[in-house]
Amino acid sequence: MNSILQCLSNCPHFTTFFLTDNYLADINRANALSTGGRLATEFSGLLRQLWSGQYAAVSPSAFRKALIKFAPQFSGFAQHDSQELLAFLLDGLHEDLNRVREKAYTNKIEADGRPDAVVAKLAWETHLAAQSFHCCRHFSSSTSDPKSFA
């Protein structure tokens, strides 16, 4: 958990989004896949502690308690897979802060002989129609950059 929290807390745009309370406007309590904003709120509180300058060390106990409530697989003090935690945390934050309130039905994007760049652009646009998280652009690959499409 420590390595993932340190990694995310050192992503400037991501951390600033939570430290400045900009995330509050995006909390989507109606999303059935979210934690009702609890994970995002605890994550923000942890970042505040980490970056306050008041502490030499920070125990993420309140954050961990919220995490375990929604992901009991991370309970206990055994070693856990960092990638699994990162995936759950980013997905949880994404669902808590998904700006799309009503998800439209979308068809699966098929290549149908089209170039990969065209299919990738269509798939990304379809994804954004149902998923909009402020920090998504900071964690997406270069294929989401419109300039990369031919």
Protein backbone atom coordinates (compact mmCIF):
# COMPACT_ATOMS: atom_id res chain seq x y z
CA MET A 1 0.00 0.00 0.00
CA ASN A 2 2.80 2.37 0.91
CA SER A 3 4.45 2.26 -2.51
CA ILE A 4 1.16 2.93 -4.33
CA LEU A 5 0.17 5.80 -2.03
CA GLN A 6 3.60 7.40 -2.38
CA CYS A 7 3.50 6.97 -6.14
CA LEU A 8 0.06 8.56 -6.53
CA SER A 9 0.82 11.33 -4.05
CA ASN A 10 3.76 12.36 -6.23
CA CYS A 11 1.66 12.81 -9.37
CA PRO A 12 1.34 16.62 -9.32
CA HIS A 13 -1.95 17.11 -11.22
CA PHE A 14 -3.61 14.21 -9.43
CA THR A 15 -2.55 15.38 -5.96
CA THR A 16 -3.43 19.03 -6.61
CA PHE A 17 -6.92 17.98 -7.72
CA PHE A 18 -7.50 16.43 -4.28
CA LEU A 19 -5.62 18.96 -2.15
CA THR A 20 -7.54 21.93 -3.56
CA ASP A 21 -10.92 20.25 -2.97
CA ASN A 22 -11.68 20.38 -6.69
CA TYR A 23 -12.78 16.76 -6.41
CA LEU A 24 -15.77 17.71 -4.22
CA ALA A 25 -17.77 19.06 -7.16
CA ASP A 26 -17.38 15.76 -9.00
CA ILE A 27 -18.50 13.35 -6.27
CA ASN A 28 -21.16 11.14 -7.83
CA ARG A 29 -23.19 9.72 -4.96
CA ALA A 30 -25.79 8.31 -7.39
CA ASN A 31 -23.33 6.00 -9.10
CA ALA A 32 -24.11 2.45 -7.98
CA LEU A 33 -20.47 1.46 -8.64
CA SER A 34 -19.06 4.19 -6.39
CA THR A 35 -18.38 4.30 -2.67
CA GLY A 36 -20.56 7.39 -2.40
CA GLY A 37 -17.46 9.57 -2.33
CA ARG A 38 -16.06 8.01 0.84
CA LEU A 39 -12.94 6.61 -0.83
CA ALA A 40 -12.23 9.94 -2.56
CA THR A 41 -12.76 11.87 0.68
CA GLU A 42 -10.45 9.60 2.70
CA PHE A 43 -7.85 9.69 -0.06
CA SER A 44 -7.98 13.49 -0.03
CA GLY A 45 -7.58 13.49 3.76
CA LEU A 46 -4.55 11.24 3.50
CA LEU A 47 -2.96 13.50 0.88
CA ARG A 48 -3.56 16.49 3.15
CA GLN A 49 -1.69 14.74 5.95
CA LEU A 50 1.15 13.71 3.66
CA TRP A 51 1.65 17.18 2.21
CA SER A 52 0.89 19.30 5.31
CA GLY A 53 4.49 19.39 6.45
CA GLN A 54 3.33 18.73 10.02
CA TYR A 55 4.27 15.08 10.19
CA ALA A 56 7.51 13.14 9.79
CA ALA A 57 5.46 10.00 9.20
CA VAL A 58 1.80 9.42 8.40
CA SER A 59 -0.26 6.34 9.20
CA PRO A 60 -2.97 5.81 6.55
CA SER A 61 -5.32 4.17 9.07
CA ALA A 62 -8.50 6.13 8.19
CA PHE A 63 -7.88 5.63 4.48
CA ARG A 64 -7.13 1.94 5.02
CA LYS A 65 -10.35 1.51 7.01
CA ALA A 66 -12.39 3.01 4.15
CA LEU A 67 -10.50 0.92 1.62
CA ILE A 68 -11.14 -2.32 3.51
CA LYS A 69 -14.85 -1.52 3.81
CA PHE A 70 -15.15 -1.62 0.02
CA ALA A 71 -12.31 -4.04 -0.72
CA PRO A 72 -12.02 -6.56 2.11
CA GLN A 73 -9.36 -8.44 0.15
CA PHE A 74 -6.92 -5.78 1.41
CA SER A 75 -7.65 -6.45 5.09
CA GLY A 76 -5.02 -7.94 7.34
CA PHE A 77 -1.38 -7.05 7.33
CA ALA A 78 -0.07 -9.59 4.85
CA GLN A 79 1.73 -8.45 1.72
CA HIS A 80 -0.71 -7.53 -1.06
CA ASP A 81 -0.23 -7.11 -4.78
CA SER A 82 0.52 -3.45 -5.54
CA GLN A 83 -0.99 -3.61 -9.00
CA GLU A 84 -4.28 -4.93 -7.60
CA LEU A 85 -4.42 -2.11 -5.08
CA LEU A 86 -3.59 0.50 -7.72
CA ALA A 87 -6.26 -0.87 -10.05
CA PHE A 88 -8.91 -0.93 -7.30
CA LEU A 89 -7.99 2.52 -5.99
CA LEU A 90 -7.99 4.22 -9.39
CA ASP A 91 -11.22 2.49 -10.36
CA GLY A 92 -12.81 3.43 -7.02
CA LEU A 93 -11.77 7.06 -7.36
CA HIS A 94 -12.93 7.04 -10.95
CA GLU A 95 -16.39 5.76 -10.00
CA ASP A 96 -16.65 8.15 -7.02
CA LEU A 97 -15.81 11.08 -9.29
CA ASN A 98 -17.36 10.02 -12.59
CA ARG A 99 -18.90 13.18 -14.06
CA VAL A 100 -21.23 11.22 -16.33
CA ARG A 101 -24.47 10.98 -14.37
CA GLU A 102 -26.49 9.01 -16.93
CA LYS A 103 -24.55 6.46 -18.93
CA ALA A 104 -25.83 6.01 -22.43
CA TYR A 105 -25.84 2.60 -24.05
CA THR A 106 -22.92 2.26 -26.45
CA ASN A 107 -22.22 -0.30 -29.11
CA LYS A 108 -19.01 -2.29 -29.13
CA ILE A 109 -16.45 -0.79 -31.48
CA GLU A 110 -15.36 -3.23 -34.18
CA ALA A 111 -12.38 -2.73 -36.47
CA ASP A 112 -14.20 -3.74 -39.65
CA GLY A 113 -10.97 -3.29 -41.63
CA ARG A 114 -10.41 0.28 -40.44
CA PRO A 115 -6.94 1.45 -39.37
CA ASP A 116 -6.06 0.95 -35.70
CA ALA A 117 -5.80 4.71 -35.13
CA VAL A 118 -9.37 5.24 -36.31
CA VAL A 119 -10.72 2.38 -34.19
CA ALA A 120 -8.75 3.60 -31.15
CA LYS A 121 -10.15 7.12 -31.53
CA LEU A 122 -13.72 5.79 -31.79
CA ALA A 123 -13.21 3.52 -28.78
CA TRP A 124 -11.80 6.41 -26.71
CA GLU A 125 -14.71 8.69 -27.65
CA THR A 126 -17.18 5.93 -26.75
CA HIS A 127 -15.43 5.41 -23.43
CA LEU A 128 -15.60 9.12 -22.63
CA ALA A 129 -19.34 9.15 -23.34
CA ALA A 130 -19.83 6.85 -20.35
CA GLN A 131 -16.79 7.64 -18.22
CA SER A 132 -15.47 11.08 -17.36
CA PHE A 133 -12.99 11.43 -14.54
CA HIS A 134 -10.99 14.66 -14.26
CA CYS A 135 -7.68 12.83 -13.83
CA CYS A 136 -8.29 10.31 -16.60
CA ARG A 137 -6.18 12.22 -19.10
CA HIS A 138 -3.20 12.08 -16.75
CA PHE A 139 -3.30 8.28 -16.59
CA SER A 140 -4.19 7.41 -20.17
CA SER A 141 -1.88 6.38 -22.95
CA SER A 142 -0.84 8.51 -25.87
CA THR A 143 -3.61 6.95 -27.96
CA SER A 144 -6.01 9.32 -26.20
CA ASP A 145 -4.15 12.30 -27.63
CA PRO A 146 -6.10 13.44 -30.71
CA LYS A 147 -2.82 14.55 -32.32
CA SER A 148 -1.64 10.93 -32.35
CA PHE A 149 -4.44 9.87 -34.71
CA ALA A 150 -3.71 9.93 -38.41
